[in-house]
Amino acid sequence: MSRIGKNPIDIPSGVEVSVGASEIQVKGPKGTLKTPVDPTVEYKIEDGKVYVSRVDDSRNARGQHGLRRTLLANCVDGVTKGFEKTLEVIGVGYKVSVQGKKVVLAVGFSHPVEFDLPAGLEAKAEGIKLTISGIDKQLVGEVAAQIRRVRPPEPYKGKGIKYIDEYIRRKAGKSGAK
């Protein structure tokens, strides 16, 4: 049995979980999220908890068991606490700013790079740090990865856009003439 899948999901007060035929809808204080339902997985709501179990012991059902439980747990966490990713812009003259629903990056190109934020996400810039926050974990991570791809960190000087907790392995440059 899946170790992750067998753990029940606690439903905090103020959160409403409704299981439909094709999707599960989670409503909370921060908004509403939906996650798709797989036919090989069953959902049972009892005593303020959601229990996820599989219909049979097929390979597909075993694979979906932990995945669907985690996706539902992420929805519950998202509508209660939310998610955020913090990026750091490192380099001489590199700047980041937020103008409404746009992130403007000055990262060594001949022009500033503008990145439009999708609906449901917020960005906050403080010095060289950019924080992306929202209720959908997948969307927050994907947008942070897209912004990082504008100028990934390079191993020689460490310049670029990196996650706050990311370690950049540094390389030695060219050695001089002997």
Protein backbone atom coordinates (compact mmCIF):
# COMPACT_ATOMS: atom_id res chain seq x y z
CA MET A 1 0.00 0.00 0.00
CA SER A 2 1.17 3.52 -0.75
CA ARG A 3 2.69 5.15 2.31
CA ILE A 4 1.61 8.60 1.15
CA GLY A 5 -1.80 7.49 -0.12
CA LYS A 6 -2.92 5.85 3.10
CA ASN A 7 -2.51 9.02 5.20
CA PRO A 8 -5.82 10.87 5.63
CA ILE A 9 -6.06 14.56 4.72
CA ASP A 10 -7.31 16.83 7.52
CA ILE A 11 -9.90 19.37 6.42
CA PRO A 12 -9.38 22.58 8.45
CA SER A 13 -12.35 24.67 9.56
CA GLY A 14 -13.54 27.02 6.82
CA VAL A 15 -12.56 24.59 4.04
CA GLU A 16 -15.22 22.80 2.02
CA VAL A 17 -14.37 19.70 -0.06
CA SER A 18 -16.89 18.36 -2.57
CA VAL A 19 -16.27 15.24 -4.67
CA GLY A 20 -17.80 15.26 -8.14
CA ALA A 21 -17.79 12.75 -10.99
CA SER A 22 -14.81 14.25 -12.81
CA GLU A 23 -13.18 16.58 -10.29
CA ILE A 24 -12.85 17.52 -6.64
CA GLN A 25 -13.56 21.11 -5.70
CA VAL A 26 -11.90 22.66 -2.63
CA LYS A 27 -13.21 26.01 -1.34
CA GLY A 28 -11.39 27.92 1.35
CA PRO A 29 -10.66 31.40 2.67
CA LYS A 30 -8.12 32.18 -0.10
CA GLY A 31 -10.14 30.87 -3.07
CA THR A 32 -11.30 27.78 -4.93
CA LEU A 33 -9.20 25.02 -6.51
CA LYS A 34 -10.14 21.96 -8.54
CA THR A 35 -8.24 18.73 -9.08
CA PRO A 36 -9.21 15.92 -11.47
CA VAL A 37 -10.47 12.53 -10.25
CA ASP A 38 -9.03 9.23 -11.46
CA PRO A 39 -11.47 6.30 -11.79
CA THR A 40 -9.03 3.93 -10.04
CA VAL A 41 -9.11 5.99 -6.82
CA GLU A 42 -12.00 6.47 -4.35
CA TYR A 43 -12.49 9.42 -2.01
CA LYS A 44 -14.37 9.21 1.30
CA ILE A 45 -15.10 12.20 3.55
CA GLU A 46 -15.60 11.27 7.23
CA ASP A 47 -15.07 13.13 10.53
CA GLY A 48 -13.40 16.17 8.95
CA LYS A 49 -10.89 14.04 7.02
CA VAL A 50 -10.62 12.82 3.44
CA TYR A 51 -9.58 9.19 2.98
CA VAL A 52 -8.12 8.18 -0.37
CA SER A 53 -8.18 4.51 -1.36
CA ARG A 54 -7.73 2.60 -4.58
CA VAL A 55 -10.40 0.49 -6.27
CA ASP A 56 -8.15 -2.45 -7.19
CA ASP A 57 -4.48 -3.40 -6.95
CA SER A 58 -3.55 -2.76 -10.58
CA ARG A 59 -0.30 -1.00 -11.49
CA ASN A 60 -2.16 2.13 -12.61
CA ALA A 61 -4.22 2.29 -9.39
CA ARG A 62 -1.09 1.94 -7.25
CA GLY A 63 0.58 4.73 -9.21
CA GLN A 64 -2.41 7.07 -8.94
CA HIS A 65 -3.08 6.46 -5.24
CA GLY A 66 -0.30 8.60 -3.77
CA LEU A 67 -0.43 11.13 -6.61
CA ARG A 68 -4.14 11.93 -6.21
CA ARG A 69 -3.80 12.17 -2.43
CA THR A 70 -0.90 14.62 -2.77
CA LEU A 71 -2.73 16.74 -5.36
CA LEU A 72 -5.75 16.99 -3.05
CA ALA A 73 -3.55 17.80 -0.04
CA ASN A 74 -1.89 20.58 -2.07
CA CYS A 75 -5.32 22.01 -2.90
CA VAL A 76 -6.29 22.04 0.79
CA ASP A 77 -2.97 23.69 1.76
CA GLY A 78 -3.32 26.21 -1.08
CA VAL A 79 -6.76 27.49 -0.09
CA THR A 80 -5.73 27.80 3.58
CA LYS A 81 -2.07 28.94 3.60
CA GLY A 82 -1.05 29.44 -0.03
CA PHE A 83 2.34 28.80 -1.62
CA GLU A 84 5.29 31.01 -2.47
CA LYS A 85 8.64 30.78 -4.20
CA THR A 86 11.43 33.30 -3.75
CA LEU A 87 13.94 34.09 -6.49
CA GLU A 88 17.15 36.08 -6.16
CA VAL A 89 18.57 38.25 -8.97
CA ILE A 90 22.37 38.38 -8.65
CA GLY A 91 24.66 40.48 -10.83
CA VAL A 92 26.06 43.98 -11.19
CA GLY A 93 23.28 46.20 -12.50
CA TYR A 94 20.67 43.42 -12.38
CA LYS A 95 17.32 44.66 -11.09
CA VAL A 96 13.81 43.34 -10.61
CA SER A 97 10.60 45.32 -10.19
CA VAL A 98 6.88 44.66 -10.22
CA GLN A 99 4.54 46.97 -12.14
CA GLY A 100 0.94 45.87 -11.61
CA LYS A 101 0.64 42.35 -13.06
CA LYS A 102 4.07 42.53 -14.78
CA VAL A 103 7.50 41.55 -13.53
CA VAL A 104 10.21 43.68 -15.15
CA LEU A 105 13.71 42.16 -15.18
CA ALA A 106 16.87 44.09 -16.06
CA VAL A 107 19.34 41.21 -16.34
CA GLY A 108 22.06 42.27 -18.76
CA PHE A 109 20.13 42.29 -22.03
CA SER A 110 19.88 45.38 -24.24
CA HIS A 111 16.28 45.82 -23.06
CA PRO A 112 14.32 45.04 -19.91
CA VAL A 113 12.43 41.74 -20.02
CA GLU A 114 8.74 41.99 -19.11
CA PHE A 115 6.97 38.91 -17.77
CA ASP A 116 3.16 38.91 -17.47
CA LEU A 117 1.82 37.12 -14.40
CA PRO A 118 -1.13 34.78 -14.92
CA ALA A 119 -4.38 35.34 -13.03
CA GLY A 120 -4.28 34.19 -9.42
CA LEU A 121 -0.61 34.98 -8.79
CA GLU A 122 1.00 37.92 -7.04
CA ALA A 123 4.60 39.10 -7.13
CA LYS A 124 6.52 41.25 -4.67
CA ALA A 125 10.02 42.65 -5.27
CA GLU A 126 12.28 43.67 -2.37
CA GLY A 127 15.74 44.68 -3.53
CA ILE A 128 17.20 41.69 -5.37
CA LYS A 129 14.51 39.27 -4.13
CA LEU A 130 11.33 38.43 -6.05
CA THR A 131 8.57 36.49 -4.29
CA ILE A 132 5.87 34.74 -6.35
CA SER A 133 2.81 33.71 -4.33
CA GLY A 134 -0.57 32.11 -5.03
CA ILE A 135 -2.88 29.26 -4.09
CA ASP A 136 -2.00 26.83 -6.91
CA LYS A 137 1.31 25.08 -6.14
CA GLN A 138 1.87 23.92 -9.70
CA LEU A 139 1.28 27.40 -11.17
CA VAL A 140 3.55 29.11 -8.62
CA GLY A 141 6.38 26.67 -9.36
CA GLU A 142 5.94 26.88 -13.14
CA VAL A 143 5.97 30.69 -13.22
CA ALA A 144 9.03 30.80 -10.94
CA ALA A 145 10.80 28.35 -13.29
CA GLN A 146 9.87 30.44 -16.35
CA ILE A 147 11.25 33.60 -14.73
CA ARG A 148 14.43 31.73 -13.76
CA ARG A 149 14.84 30.61 -17.41
CA VAL A 150 15.18 34.26 -18.52
CA ARG A 151 18.75 34.28 -17.13
CA PRO A 152 19.74 31.04 -15.36
CA PRO A 153 22.68 31.30 -12.96
CA GLU A 154 26.06 30.67 -14.50
CA PRO A 155 28.82 28.76 -12.69
CA TYR A 156 31.75 31.18 -13.16
CA LYS A 157 30.58 34.40 -11.52
CA GLY A 158 27.25 33.19 -10.15
CA LYS A 159 25.30 35.86 -12.05
CA GLY A 160 21.70 35.22 -12.97
CA ILE A 161 18.32 34.40 -11.43
CA LYS A 162 18.29 31.62 -8.85
CA TYR A 163 15.99 30.23 -6.19
CA ILE A 164 16.73 31.59 -2.72
CA ASP A 165 17.66 28.12 -1.39
CA GLU A 166 19.55 27.01 -4.51
CA TYR A 167 23.29 26.38 -4.32
CA ILE A 168 25.32 27.27 -7.40
CA ARG A 169 28.39 25.09 -7.81
CA ARG A 170 31.17 27.43 -8.84
CA LYS A 171 33.87 26.64 -11.39
CA ALA A 172 37.37 28.05 -11.62
CA GLY A 173 37.92 30.31 -14.61
CA LYS A 174 40.81 30.13 -17.03
CA SER A 175 44.20 29.86 -15.44
CA GLY A 176 46.71 32.47 -16.59
CA ALA A 177 49.84 31.84 -18.65
CA LYS A 178 52.61 30.00 -16.81
